[in-house]
Amino acid sequence: KPVDNIAPQAVILPGHGAKNVKLQDKVTLQFAEEIILVDGGALSSKTAGPLVRVTDEKGTVVPHTITWNKSKRMLSVKPKGKWQPHMRYQVSLIADLVKDTAGNLNQAQWITFQTGSK
C-alpha cells in the first residue's frame, strides 16, 4: 500500500493576486483530503478560529469568522462586516495546525487579493 507523505494542502479562492474581489465575497480554503486538528481533535467551526489569519495592507489583523464544512472539507472566511473597498488583504493558513489521516502536518499557505468598489 502506498505511503502518504504529502502534506495536506488547500486550494484557496480567490486566487493569489485576484483583483476587484466583491466586498461581500468570502475566502474559501478547500482541502483535497480529510484533515483533523494536530492534537487529534475534530475540526469544527468552533475550533477553526486559530487556523487562519487575515490582515489588511497595513498588517492590521482583520476580525473575521470561519466556518468549517466537513462534507466539502472547506473553510470559509468572512470579515466581520464587509471587506473595505480598494484594499489589499492577506489570508494566511497557519502551518502545523492540522494534519491528514496519515499524520502529515500542513504547511503555511497564503494569498493576497484586492477588493473592488462594491
PDB file of N, CA and C in Angstrom:
ATOM      1  N   LYS A   1       0.853  -1.185   0.000  1.00  0.00           N
ATOM      2  CA  LYS A   1       0.000   0.000   0.000  1.00  0.00           C
ATOM      3  C   LYS A   1       0.898   1.247   0.000  1.00  0.00           C
ATOM      4  N   PRO A   2       0.596   2.226  -0.867  1.00  0.00           N
ATOM      5  CA  PRO A   2       1.448   3.425  -0.920  1.00  0.00           C
ATOM      6  C   PRO A   2       1.377   4.211   0.383  1.00  0.00           C
ATOM      7  N   VAL A   3       2.483   4.837   0.715  1.00  0.00           N
ATOM      8  CA  VAL A   3       2.567   5.645   1.930  1.00  0.00           C
ATOM      9  C   VAL A   3       2.261   7.098   1.574  1.00  0.00           C
ATOM     10  N   ASP A   4       1.375   7.700   2.352  1.00  0.00           N
ATOM     11  CA  ASP A   4       1.033   9.123   2.151  1.00  0.00           C
ATOM     12  C   ASP A   4       2.009   9.953   2.972  1.00  0.00           C
ATOM     13  N   ASN A   5       2.931  10.639   2.279  1.00  0.00           N
ATOM     14  CA  ASN A   5       3.829  11.545   2.996  1.00  0.00           C
ATOM     15  C   ASN A   5       3.726  12.962   2.442  1.00  0.00           C
ATOM     16  N   ILE A   6       2.559  13.256   1.844  1.00  0.00           N
ATOM     17  CA  ILE A   6       2.306  14.583   1.278  1.00  0.00           C
ATOM     18  C   ILE A   6       1.456  15.385   2.261  1.00  0.00           C
ATOM     19  N   ALA A   7       1.924  16.580   2.562  1.00  0.00           N
ATOM     20  CA  ALA A   7       1.196  17.439   3.497  1.00  0.00           C
ATOM     21  C   ALA A   7      -0.154  17.838   2.913  1.00  0.00           C
ATOM     22  N   PRO A   8      -1.179  17.944   3.769  1.00  0.00           N
ATOM     23  CA  PRO A   8      -2.472  18.430   3.268  1.00  0.00           C
ATOM     24  C   PRO A   8      -2.331  19.877   2.803  1.00  0.00           C
ATOM     25  N   GLN A   9      -2.955  20.162   1.679  1.00  0.00           N
ATOM     26  CA  GLN A   9      -2.846  21.491   1.103  1.00  0.00           C
ATOM     27  C   GLN A   9      -4.230  21.971   0.706  1.00  0.00           C
ATOM     28  N   ALA A  10      -4.440  23.274   0.827  1.00  0.00           N
ATOM     29  CA  ALA A  10      -5.738  23.858   0.497  1.00  0.00           C
ATOM     30  C   ALA A  10      -5.665  24.568  -0.844  1.00  0.00           C
ATOM     31  N   VAL A  11      -6.751  24.491  -1.603  1.00  0.00           N
ATOM     32  CA  VAL A  11      -6.939  25.358  -2.761  1.00  0.00           C
ATOM     33  C   VAL A  11      -7.654  26.591  -2.219  1.00  0.00           C
ATOM     34  N   ILE A  12      -7.037  27.753  -2.387  1.00  0.00           N
ATOM     35  CA  ILE A  12      -7.578  28.984  -1.804  1.00  0.00           C
ATOM     36  C   ILE A  12      -8.164  29.855  -2.912  1.00  0.00           C
ATOM     37  N   LEU A  13      -9.421  30.258  -2.718  1.00  0.00           N
ATOM     38  CA  LEU A  13     -10.088  31.152  -3.663  1.00  0.00           C
ATOM     39  C   LEU A  13     -10.598  32.369  -2.909  1.00  0.00           C
ATOM     40  N   PRO A  14     -10.514  33.581  -3.417  1.00  0.00           N
ATOM     41  CA  PRO A  14      -9.992  33.901  -4.747  1.00  0.00           C
ATOM     42  C   PRO A  14      -8.500  33.572  -4.832  1.00  0.00           C
ATOM     43  N   GLY A  15      -8.012  33.410  -6.025  1.00  0.00           N
ATOM     44  CA  GLY A  15      -6.616  33.067  -6.220  1.00  0.00           C
ATOM     45  C   GLY A  15      -5.682  34.196  -5.822  1.00  0.00           C
ATOM     46  N   HIS A  16      -4.418  33.847  -5.606  1.00  0.00           N
ATOM     47  CA  HIS A  16      -3.411  34.833  -5.222  1.00  0.00           C
ATOM     48  C   HIS A  16      -3.328  35.925  -6.287  1.00  0.00           C
ATOM     49  N   GLY A  17      -3.383  37.184  -5.847  1.00  0.00           N
ATOM     50  CA  GLY A  17      -3.282  38.314  -6.761  1.00  0.00           C
ATOM     51  C   GLY A  17      -4.599  38.743  -7.384  1.00  0.00           C
ATOM     52  N   ALA A  18      -5.710  38.117  -6.961  1.00  0.00           N
ATOM     53  CA  ALA A  18      -7.012  38.477  -7.537  1.00  0.00           C
ATOM     54  C   ALA A  18      -7.307  39.952  -7.294  1.00  0.00           C
ATOM     55  N   LYS A  19      -7.964  40.580  -8.273  1.00  0.00           N
ATOM     56  CA  LYS A  19      -8.346  41.989  -8.158  1.00  0.00           C
ATOM     57  C   LYS A  19      -9.867  42.102  -8.272  1.00  0.00           C
ATOM     58  N   ASN A  20     -10.401  43.225  -7.802  1.00  0.00           N
ATOM     59  CA  ASN A  20     -11.838  43.506  -7.869  1.00  0.00           C
ATOM     60  C   ASN A  20     -12.690  42.439  -7.184  1.00  0.00           C
ATOM     61  N   VAL A  21     -12.184  41.902  -6.078  1.00  0.00           N
ATOM     62  CA  VAL A  21     -12.972  40.949  -5.294  1.00  0.00           C
ATOM     63  C   VAL A  21     -14.137  41.712  -4.673  1.00  0.00           C
ATOM     64  N   LYS A  22     -15.326  41.130  -4.748  1.00  0.00           N
ATOM     65  CA  LYS A  22     -16.523  41.785  -4.222  1.00  0.00           C
ATOM     66  C   LYS A  22     -16.444  41.901  -2.702  1.00  0.00           C
ATOM     67  N   LEU A  23     -16.993  42.999  -2.174  1.00  0.00           N
ATOM     68  CA  LEU A  23     -16.891  43.289  -0.747  1.00  0.00           C
ATOM     69  C   LEU A  23     -17.621  42.266   0.121  1.00  0.00           C
ATOM     70  N   GLN A  24     -18.604  41.563  -0.459  1.00  0.00           N
ATOM     71  CA  GLN A  24     -19.343  40.568   0.327  1.00  0.00           C
ATOM     72  C   GLN A  24     -18.821  39.143   0.099  1.00  0.00           C
ATOM     73  N   ASP A  25     -17.811  38.977  -0.757  1.00  0.00           N
ATOM     74  CA  ASP A  25     -17.281  37.636  -1.034  1.00  0.00           C
ATOM     75  C   ASP A  25     -16.583  37.046   0.181  1.00  0.00           C
ATOM     76  N   LYS A  26     -16.591  35.724   0.247  1.00  0.00           N
ATOM     77  CA  LYS A  26     -15.823  35.043   1.289  1.00  0.00           C
ATOM     78  C   LYS A  26     -14.596  34.419   0.640  1.00  0.00           C
ATOM     79  N   VAL A  27     -13.629  34.091   1.458  1.00  0.00           N
ATOM     80  CA  VAL A  27     -12.438  33.384   1.006  1.00  0.00           C
ATOM     81  C   VAL A  27     -12.628  31.928   1.418  1.00  0.00           C
ATOM     82  N   THR A  28     -12.374  30.996   0.500  1.00  0.00           N
ATOM     83  CA  THR A  28     -12.521  29.587   0.844  1.00  0.00           C
ATOM     84  C   THR A  28     -11.178  28.877   0.727  1.00  0.00           C
ATOM     85  N   LEU A  29     -10.971  27.935   1.630  1.00  0.00           N
ATOM     86  CA  LEU A  29      -9.785  27.080   1.628  1.00  0.00           C
ATOM     87  C   LEU A  29     -10.301  25.651   1.606  1.00  0.00           C
ATOM     88  N   GLN A  30     -10.113  24.979   0.473  1.00  0.00           N
ATOM     89  CA  GLN A  30     -10.656  23.632   0.323  1.00  0.00           C
ATOM     90  C   GLN A  30      -9.528  22.615   0.280  1.00  0.00           C
ATOM     91  N   PHE A  31      -9.656  21.591   1.098  1.00  0.00           N
ATOM     92  CA  PHE A  31      -8.650  20.534   1.190  1.00  0.00           C
ATOM     93  C   PHE A  31      -9.075  19.331   0.363  1.00  0.00           C
ATOM     94  N   ALA A  32      -8.098  18.664  -0.246  1.00  0.00           N
ATOM     95  CA  ALA A  32      -8.368  17.506  -1.096  1.00  0.00           C
ATOM     96  C   ALA A  32      -8.514  16.224  -0.285  1.00  0.00           C
ATOM     97  N   GLU A  33      -8.176  16.273   0.993  1.00  0.00           N
ATOM     98  CA  GLU A  33      -8.250  15.072   1.829  1.00  0.00           C
ATOM     99  C   GLU A  33      -8.767  15.441   3.214  1.00  0.00           C
ATOM    100  N   GLU A  34      -9.161  14.406   3.960  1.00  0.00           N
ATOM    101  CA  GLU A  34      -9.643  14.618   5.322  1.00  0.00           C
ATOM    102  C   GLU A  34      -8.532  15.231   6.163  1.00  0.00           C
ATOM    103  N   ILE A  35      -8.893  16.202   7.002  1.00  0.00           N
ATOM    104  CA  ILE A  35      -7.930  16.785   7.933  1.00  0.00           C
ATOM    105  C   ILE A  35      -8.552  16.833   9.326  1.00  0.00           C
ATOM    106  N   ILE A  36      -7.670  16.794  10.333  1.00  0.00           N
ATOM    107  CA  ILE A  36      -8.075  16.936  11.724  1.00  0.00           C
ATOM    108  C   ILE A  36      -7.097  17.900  12.390  1.00  0.00           C
ATOM    109  N   LEU A  37      -7.451  18.373  13.559  1.00  0.00           N
ATOM    110  CA  LEU A  37      -6.541  19.237  14.307  1.00  0.00           C
ATOM    111  C   LEU A  37      -5.292  18.442  14.694  1.00  0.00           C
ATOM    112  N   VAL A  38      -4.191  19.130  14.833  1.00  0.00           N
ATOM    113  CA  VAL A  38      -2.913  18.473  15.086  1.00  0.00           C
ATOM    114  C   VAL A  38      -2.937  17.667  16.394  1.00  0.00           C
ATOM    115  N   ASP A  39      -3.770  18.079  17.356  1.00  0.00           N
ATOM    116  CA  ASP A  39      -3.861  17.328  18.615  1.00  0.00           C
ATOM    117  C   ASP A  39      -4.804  16.133  18.510  1.00  0.00           C
ATOM    118  N   GLY A  40      -5.326  15.890  17.286  1.00  0.00           N
ATOM    119  CA  GLY A  40      -6.218  14.751  17.074  1.00  0.00           C
ATOM    120  C   GLY A  40      -7.680  15.096  17.225  1.00  0.00           C
ATOM    121  N   GLY A  41      -7.971  16.323  17.656  1.00  0.00           N
ATOM    122  CA  GLY A  41      -9.360  16.741  17.834  1.00  0.00           C
ATOM    123  C   GLY A  41     -10.054  16.980  16.501  1.00  0.00           C
ATOM    124  N   ALA A  42     -11.369  16.928  16.556  1.00  0.00           N
ATOM    125  CA  ALA A  42     -12.159  17.143  15.341  1.00  0.00           C
ATOM    126  C   ALA A  42     -12.148  18.623  14.965  1.00  0.00           C
ATOM    127  N   LEU A  43     -12.086  18.870  13.673  1.00  0.00           N
ATOM    128  CA  LEU A  43     -12.175  20.230  13.166  1.00  0.00           C
ATOM    129  C   LEU A  43     -13.650  20.607  13.104  1.00  0.00           C
ATOM    130  N   SER A  44     -13.962  21.813  13.573  1.00  0.00           N
ATOM    131  CA  SER A  44     -15.343  22.306  13.527  1.00  0.00           C
ATOM    132  C   SER A  44     -15.281  23.823  13.377  1.00  0.00           C
ATOM    133  N   SER A  45     -16.428  24.437  13.142  1.00  0.00           N
ATOM    134  CA  SER A  45     -16.461  25.904  13.052  1.00  0.00           C
ATOM    135  C   SER A  45     -15.983  26.528  14.359  1.00  0.00           C
ATOM    136  N   LYS A  46     -16.210  25.842  15.495  1.00  0.00           N
ATOM    137  CA  LYS A  46     -15.772  26.368  16.797  1.00  0.00           C
ATOM    138  C   LYS A  46     -14.261  26.283  16.972  1.00  0.00           C
ATOM    139  N   THR A  47     -13.626  25.240  16.411  1.00  0.00           N
ATOM    140  CA  THR A  47     -12.192  25.032  16.632  1.00  0.00           C
ATOM    141  C   THR A  47     -11.329  25.581  15.500  1.00  0.00           C
ATOM    142  N   ALA A  48     -11.945  26.081  14.423  1.00  0.00           N
ATOM    143  CA  ALA A  48     -11.187  26.510  13.242  1.00  0.00           C
ATOM    144  C   ALA A  48     -10.573  27.901  13.374  1.00  0.00           C
ATOM    145  N   GLY A  49     -10.978  28.666  14.379  1.00  0.00           N
ATOM    146  CA  GLY A  49     -10.527  30.052  14.521  1.00  0.00           C
ATOM    147  C   GLY A  49      -9.033  30.297  14.379  1.00  0.00           C
ATOM    148  N   PRO A  50      -8.189  29.537  15.096  1.00  0.00           N
ATOM    149  CA  PRO A  50      -6.737  29.807  15.042  1.00  0.00           C
ATOM    150  C   PRO A  50      -6.064  29.420  13.722  1.00  0.00           C
ATOM    151  N   LEU A  51      -6.758  28.721  12.841  1.00  0.00           N
ATOM    152  CA  LEU A  51      -6.112  28.190  11.635  1.00  0.00           C
ATOM    153  C   LEU A  51      -5.774  29.263  10.604  1.00  0.00           C
ATOM    154  N   VAL A  52      -6.563  30.347  10.597  1.00  0.00           N
ATOM    155  CA  VAL A  52      -6.435  31.344   9.532  1.00  0.00           C
ATOM    156  C   VAL A  52      -6.230  32.722  10.150  1.00  0.00           C
ATOM    157  N   ARG A  53      -5.330  33.488   9.528  1.00  0.00           N
ATOM    158  CA  ARG A  53      -5.121  34.885   9.938  1.00  0.00           C
ATOM    159  C   ARG A  53      -5.420  35.772   8.741  1.00  0.00           C
ATOM    160  N   VAL A  54      -6.138  36.863   8.987  1.00  0.00           N
ATOM    161  CA  VAL A  54      -6.479  37.820   7.935  1.00  0.00           C
ATOM    162  C   VAL A  54      -5.894  39.170   8.332  1.00  0.00           C
ATOM    163  N   THR A  55      -5.127  39.772   7.411  1.00  0.00           N
ATOM    164  CA  THR A  55      -4.561  41.093   7.671  1.00  0.00           C
ATOM    165  C   THR A  55      -4.822  41.994   6.473  1.00  0.00           C
ATOM    166  N   ASP A  56      -4.865  43.305   6.737  1.00  0.00           N
ATOM    167  CA  ASP A  56      -5.018  44.260   5.642  1.00  0.00           C
ATOM    168  C   ASP A  56      -3.635  44.720   5.179  1.00  0.00           C
ATOM    169  N   GLU A  57      -3.620  45.667   4.239  1.00  0.00           N
ATOM    170  CA  GLU A  57      -2.347  46.081   3.633  1.00  0.00           C
ATOM    171  C   GLU A  57      -1.401  46.760   4.624  1.00  0.00           C
ATOM    172  N   LYS A  58      -1.931  47.193   5.777  1.00  0.00           N
ATOM    173  CA  LYS A  58      -1.077  47.805   6.801  1.00  0.00           C
ATOM    174  C   LYS A  58      -0.566  46.759   7.792  1.00  0.00           C
ATOM    175  N   GLY A  59      -1.010  45.499   7.616  1.00  0.00           N
ATOM    176  CA  GLY A  59      -0.605  44.445   8.539  1.00  0.00           C
ATOM    177  C   GLY A  59      -1.497  44.323   9.755  1.00  0.00           C
ATOM    178  N   THR A  60      -2.596  45.098   9.758  1.00  0.00           N
ATOM    179  CA  THR A  60      -3.540  45.054  10.867  1.00  0.00           C
ATOM    180  C   THR A  60      -4.398  43.799  10.754  1.00  0.00           C
ATOM    181  N   VAL A  61      -4.564  43.089  11.866  1.00  0.00           N
ATOM    182  CA  VAL A  61      -5.408  41.897  11.867  1.00  0.00           C
ATOM    183  C   VAL A  61      -6.864  42.306  11.664  1.00  0.00           C
ATOM    184  N   VAL A  62      -7.545  41.647  10.734  1.00  0.00           N
ATOM    185  CA  VAL A  62      -8.940  41.929  10.414  1.00  0.00           C
ATOM    186  C   VAL A  62      -9.818  40.916  11.158  1.00  0.00           C
ATOM    187  N   PRO A  63     -10.732  41.391  12.033  1.00  0.00           N
ATOM    188  CA  PRO A  63     -11.648  40.455  12.711  1.00  0.00           C
ATOM    189  C   PRO A  63     -12.472  39.699  11.665  1.00  0.00           C
ATOM    190  N   HIS A  64     -12.601  38.380  11.856  1.00  0.00           N
ATOM    191  CA  HIS A  64     -13.286  37.559  10.852  1.00  0.00           C
ATOM    192  C   HIS A  64     -13.936  36.351  11.508  1.00  0.00           C
ATOM    193  N   THR A  65     -14.787  35.706  10.744  1.00  0.00           N
ATOM    194  CA  THR A  65     -15.410  34.461  11.189  1.00  0.00           C
ATOM    195  C   THR A  65     -14.978  33.350  10.235  1.00  0.00           C
ATOM    196  N   ILE A  66     -14.896  32.149  10.783  1.00  0.00           N
ATOM    197  CA  ILE A  66     -14.517  30.986   9.981  1.00  0.00           C
ATOM    198  C   ILE A  66     -15.572  29.911  10.175  1.00  0.00           C
ATOM    199  N   THR A  67     -15.998  29.320   9.069  1.00  0.00           N
ATOM    200  CA  THR A  67     -16.951  28.219   9.110  1.00  0.00           C
ATOM    201  C   THR A  67     -16.297  26.999   8.478  1.00  0.00           C
ATOM    202  N   TRP A  68     -16.446  25.832   9.099  1.00  0.00           N
ATOM    203  CA  TRP A  68     -15.902  24.582   8.569  1.00  0.00           C
ATOM    204  C   TRP A  68     -17.041  23.740   8.017  1.00  0.00           C
ATOM    205  N   ASN A  69     -16.923  23.331   6.744  1.00  0.00           N
ATOM    206  CA  ASN A  69     -17.888  22.430   6.127  1.00  0.00           C
ATOM    207  C   ASN A  69     -17.198  21.085   5.961  1.00  0.00           C
ATOM    208  N   LYS A  70     -17.522  20.134   6.826  1.00  0.00           N
ATOM    209  CA  LYS A  70     -16.830  18.838   6.840  1.00  0.00           C
ATOM    210  C   LYS A  70     -17.039  18.068   5.539  1.00  0.00           C
ATOM    211  N   SER A  71     -18.264  18.066   5.003  1.00  0.00           N
ATOM    212  CA  SER A  71     -18.521  17.273   3.796  1.00  0.00           C
ATOM    213  C   SER A  71     -17.758  17.814   2.588  1.00  0.00           C
ATOM    214  N   LYS A  72     -17.555  19.136   2.542  1.00  0.00           N
ATOM    215  CA  LYS A  72     -16.788  19.729   1.432  1.00  0.00           C
ATOM    216  C   LYS A  72     -15.307  19.897   1.786  1.00  0.00           C
ATOM    217  N   ARG A  73     -14.944  19.602   3.050  1.00  0.00           N
ATOM    218  CA  ARG A  73     -13.564  19.813   3.542  1.00  0.00           C
ATOM    219  C   ARG A  73     -13.120  21.251   3.261  1.00  0.00           C
ATOM    220  N   MET A  74     -13.992  22.198   3.615  1.00  0.00           N
ATOM    221  CA  MET A  74     -13.751  23.593   3.239  1.00  0.00           C
ATOM    222  C   MET A  74     -13.925  24.540   4.423  1.00  0.00           C
ATOM    223  N   LEU A  75     -12.937  25.434   4.569  1.00  0.00           N
ATOM    224  CA  LEU A  75     -13.019  26.557   5.497  1.00  0.00           C
ATOM    225  C   LEU A  75     -13.503  27.769   4.716  1.00  0.00           C
ATOM    226  N   SER A  76     -14.484  28.480   5.252  1.00  0.00           N
ATOM    227  CA  SER A  76     -14.956  29.730   4.651  1.00  0.00           C
ATOM    228  C   SER A  76     -14.635  30.856   5.611  1.00  0.00           C
ATOM    229  N   VAL A  77     -13.990  31.901   5.084  1.00  0.00           N
ATOM    230  CA  VAL A  77     -13.535  33.019   5.904  1.00  0.00           C
ATOM    231  C   VAL A  77     -14.228  34.290   5.433  1.00  0.00           C
ATOM    232  N   LYS A  78     -14.861  34.992   6.381  1.00  0.00           N
ATOM    233  CA  LYS A  78     -15.504  36.266   6.060  1.00  0.00           C
ATOM    234  C   LYS A  78     -15.098  37.282   7.100  1.00  0.00           C
ATOM    235  N   PRO A  79     -14.911  38.544   6.674  1.00  0.00           N
ATOM    236  CA  PRO A  79     -14.639  39.570   7.675  1.00  0.00           C
ATOM    237  C   PRO A  79     -15.911  39.829   8.469  1.00  0.00           C
ATOM    238  N   LYS A  80     -15.765  40.324   9.698  1.00  0.00           N
ATOM    239  CA  LYS A  80     -16.948  40.756  10.445  1.00  0.00           C
ATOM    240  C   LYS A  80     -17.363  42.067   9.794  1.00  0.00           C
ATOM    241  N   GLY A  81     -18.511  42.072   9.157  1.00  0.00           N
ATOM    242  CA  GLY A  81     -18.929  43.204   8.322  1.00  0.00           C
ATOM    243  C   GLY A  81     -18.600  42.864   6.877  1.00  0.00           C
ATOM    244  N   LYS A  82     -17.912  43.768   6.189  1.00  0.00           N
ATOM    245  CA  LYS A  82     -17.529  43.530   4.785  1.00  0.00           C
ATOM    246  C   LYS A  82     -16.060  43.871   4.611  1.00  0.00           C
ATOM    247  N   TRP A  83     -15.481  43.379   3.516  1.00  0.00           N
ATOM    248  CA  TRP A  83     -14.156  43.853   3.109  1.00  0.00           C
ATOM    249  C   TRP A  83     -14.287  45.337   2.787  1.00  0.00           C
ATOM    250  N   GLN A  84     -13.248  46.104   2.980  1.00  0.00           N
ATOM    251  CA  GLN A  84     -13.268  47.527   2.647  1.00  0.00           C
ATOM    252  C   GLN A  84     -12.920  47.708   1.173  1.00  0.00           C
ATOM    253  N   PRO A  85     -13.509  48.726   0.501  1.00  0.00           N
ATOM    254  CA  PRO A  85     -13.237  48.924  -0.924  1.00  0.00           C
ATOM    255  C   PRO A  85     -11.778  49.305  -1.185  1.00  0.00           C
ATOM    256  N   HIS A  86     -11.278  48.841  -2.303  1.00  0.00           N
ATOM    257  CA  HIS A  86      -9.931  49.182  -2.798  1.00  0.00           C
ATOM    258  C   HIS A  86      -8.846  48.933  -1.751  1.00  0.00           C
ATOM    259  N   MET A  87      -8.943  47.803  -1.096  1.00  0.00           N
ATOM    260  CA  MET A  87      -7.978  47.451  -0.043  1.00  0.00           C
ATOM    261  C   MET A  87      -7.351  46.103  -0.407  1.00  0.00           C
ATOM    262  N   ARG A  88      -6.084  45.967  -0.057  1.00  0.00           N
ATOM    263  CA  ARG A  88      -5.392  44.693  -0.277  1.00  0.00           C
ATOM    264  C   ARG A  88      -5.409  43.915   1.038  1.00  0.00           C
ATOM    265  N   TYR A  89      -5.735  42.633   0.945  1.00  0.00           N
ATOM    266  CA  TYR A  89      -5.800  41.764   2.119  1.00  0.00           C
ATOM    267  C   TYR A  89      -4.901  40.551   1.919  1.00  0.00           C
ATOM    268  N   GLN A  90      -4.438  40.016   3.032  1.00  0.00           N
ATOM    269  CA  GLN A  90      -3.717  38.742   3.001  1.00  0.00           C
ATOM    270  C   GLN A  90      -4.450  37.764   3.901  1.00  0.00           C
ATOM    271  N   VAL A  91      -4.676  36.559   3.372  1.00  0.00           N
ATOM    272  CA  VAL A  91      -5.300  35.488   4.136  1.00  0.00           C
ATOM    273  C   VAL A  91      -4.256  34.382   4.245  1.00  0.00           C
ATOM    274  N   SER A  92      -3.931  34.011   5.481  1.00  0.00           N
ATOM    275  CA  SER A  92      -2.871  33.041   5.731  1.00  0.00           C
ATOM    276  C   SER A  92      -3.411  31.824   6.464  1.00  0.00           C
ATOM    277  N   LEU A  93      -3.056  30.648   5.954  1.00  0.00           N
ATOM    278  CA  LEU A  93      -3.305  29.393   6.660  1.00  0.00           C
ATOM    279  C   LEU A  93      -2.041  29.119   7.473  1.00  0.00           C
ATOM    280  N   ILE A  94      -2.190  29.046   8.788  1.00  0.00           N
ATOM    281  CA  ILE A  94      -1.042  28.901   9.683  1.00  0.00           C
ATOM    282  C   ILE A  94      -0.530  27.454   9.622  1.00  0.00           C
ATOM    283  N   ALA A  95       0.800  27.297   9.573  1.00  0.00           N
ATOM    284  CA  ALA A  95       1.424  25.970   9.445  1.00  0.00           C
ATOM    285  C   ALA A  95       1.252  25.138  10.712  1.00  0.00           C
ATOM    286  N   ASP A  96       1.260  23.825  10.515  1.00  0.00           N
ATOM    287  CA  ASP A  96       1.353  22.833  11.591  1.00  0.00           C
ATOM    288  C   ASP A  96       0.181  22.832  12.567  1.00  0.00           C
ATOM    289  N   LEU A  97      -0.998  23.242  12.098  1.00  0.00           N
ATOM    290  CA  LEU A  97      -2.162  23.238  12.986  1.00  0.00           C
ATOM    291  C   LEU A  97      -3.165  22.145  12.636  1.00  0.00           C
ATOM    292  N   VAL A  98      -3.090  21.623  11.408  1.00  0.00           N
ATOM    293  CA  VAL A  98      -3.934  20.483  11.023  1.00  0.00           C
ATOM    294  C   VAL A  98      -3.048  19.413  10.400  1.00  0.00           C
ATOM    295  N   LYS A  99      -3.590  18.189  10.379  1.00  0.00           N
ATOM    296  CA  LYS A  99      -2.866  17.081   9.766  1.00  0.00           C
ATOM    297  C   LYS A  99      -3.857  16.193   9.034  1.00  0.00           C
ATOM    298  N   ASP A 100      -3.323  15.419   8.071  1.00  0.00           N
ATOM    299  CA  ASP A 100      -4.173  14.461   7.375  1.00  0.00           C
ATOM    300  C   ASP A 100      -4.211  13.158   8.180  1.00  0.00           C
ATOM    301  N   THR A 101      -4.949  12.177   7.681  1.00  0.00           N
ATOM    302  CA  THR A 101      -5.119  10.933   8.435  1.00  0.00           C
ATOM    303  C   THR A 101      -3.818  10.138   8.535  1.00  0.00           C
ATOM    304  N   ALA A 102      -2.832  10.436   7.690  1.00  0.00           N
ATOM    305  CA  ALA A 102      -1.528   9.773   7.773  1.00  0.00           C
ATOM    306  C   ALA A 102      -0.578  10.506   8.721  1.00  0.00           C
ATOM    307  N   GLY A 103      -1.028  11.649   9.278  1.00  0.00           N
ATOM    308  CA  GLY A 103      -0.209  12.376  10.237  1.00  0.00           C
ATOM    309  C   GLY A 103       0.661  13.469   9.648  1.00  0.00           C
ATOM    310  N   ASN A 104       0.509  13.753   8.349  1.00  0.00           N
ATOM    311  CA  ASN A 104       1.291  14.824   7.726  1.00  0.00           C
ATOM    312  C   ASN A 104       0.738  16.180   8.134  1.00  0.00           C
ATOM    313  N   LEU A 105       1.620  17.074   8.610  1.00  0.00           N
ATOM    314  CA  LEU A 105       1.205  18.409   9.030  1.00  0.00           C
ATOM    315  C   LEU A 105       1.085  19.346   7.835  1.00  0.00           C
ATOM    316  N   ASN A 106       0.147  20.280   7.920  1.00  0.00           N
ATOM    317  CA  ASN A 106       0.004  21.275   6.847  1.00  0.00           C
ATOM    318  C   ASN A 106       1.151  22.270   6.865  1.00  0.00           C
ATOM    319  N   GLN A 107       1.439  22.808   5.696  1.00  0.00           N
ATOM    320  CA  GLN A 107       2.433  23.867   5.567  1.00  0.00           C
ATOM    321  C   GLN A 107       1.708  25.200   5.504  1.00  0.00           C
ATOM    322  N   ALA A 108       2.438  26.280   5.775  1.00  0.00           N
ATOM    323  CA  ALA A 108       1.842  27.617   5.681  1.00  0.00           C
ATOM    324  C   ALA A 108       1.477  27.902   4.229  1.00  0.00           C
ATOM    325  N   GLN A 109       0.343  28.524   4.024  1.00  0.00           N
ATOM    326  CA  GLN A 109      -0.092  28.962   2.701  1.00  0.00           C
ATOM    327  C   GLN A 109      -0.684  30.350   2.865  1.00  0.00           C
ATOM    328  N   TRP A 110      -0.622  31.153   1.811  1.00  0.00           N
ATOM    329  CA  TRP A 110      -1.242  32.471   1.885  1.00  0.00           C
ATOM    330  C   TRP A 110      -1.556  32.986   0.498  1.00  0.00           C
ATOM    331  N   ILE A 111      -2.511  33.877   0.458  1.00  0.00           N
ATOM    332  CA  ILE A 111      -2.847  34.596  -0.763  1.00  0.00           C
ATOM    333  C   ILE A 111      -3.037  36.069  -0.402  1.00  0.00           C
ATOM    334  N   THR A 112      -2.840  36.933  -1.389  1.00  0.00           N
ATOM    335  CA  THR A 112      -3.253  38.323  -1.249  1.00  0.00           C
ATOM    336  C   THR A 112      -4.264  38.593  -2.347  1.00  0.00           C
ATOM    337  N   PHE A 113      -5.193  39.463  -2.050  1.00  0.00           N
ATOM    338  CA  PHE A 113      -6.168  39.889  -3.067  1.00  0.00           C
ATOM    339  C   PHE A 113      -6.531  41.332  -2.817  1.00  0.00           C
ATOM    340  N   GLN A 114      -7.138  41.937  -3.814  1.00  0.00           N
ATOM    341  CA  GLN A 114      -7.546  43.336  -3.696  1.00  0.00           C
ATOM    342  C   GLN A 114      -9.037  43.432  -3.993  1.00  0.00           C
ATOM    343  N   THR A 115      -9.717  44.229  -3.180  1.00  0.00           N
ATOM    344  CA  THR A 115     -11.154  44.410  -3.367  1.00  0.00           C
ATOM    345  C   THR A 115     -11.417  45.492  -4.407  1.00  0.00           C
ATOM    346  N   GLY A 116     -12.617  45.439  -4.949  1.00  0.00           N
ATOM    347  CA  GLY A 116     -13.061  46.474  -5.883  1.00  0.00           C
ATOM    348  C   GLY A 116     -13.855  47.536  -5.122  1.00  0.00           C
ATOM    349  N   SER A 117     -14.804  48.156  -5.823  1.00  0.00           N
ATOM    350  CA  SER A 117     -15.550  49.244  -5.200  1.00  0.00           C
ATOM    351  C   SER A 117     -16.870  48.775  -4.584  1.00  0.00           C
ATOM    352  N   LYS A 118     -17.373  47.575  -4.989  1.00  0.00           N
ATOM    353  CA  LYS A 118     -18.622  47.111  -4.377  1.00  0.00           C
ATOM    354  C   LYS A 118     -18.649  45.606  -4.225  1.00  0.00           C
TER     355      LYS A 118
END
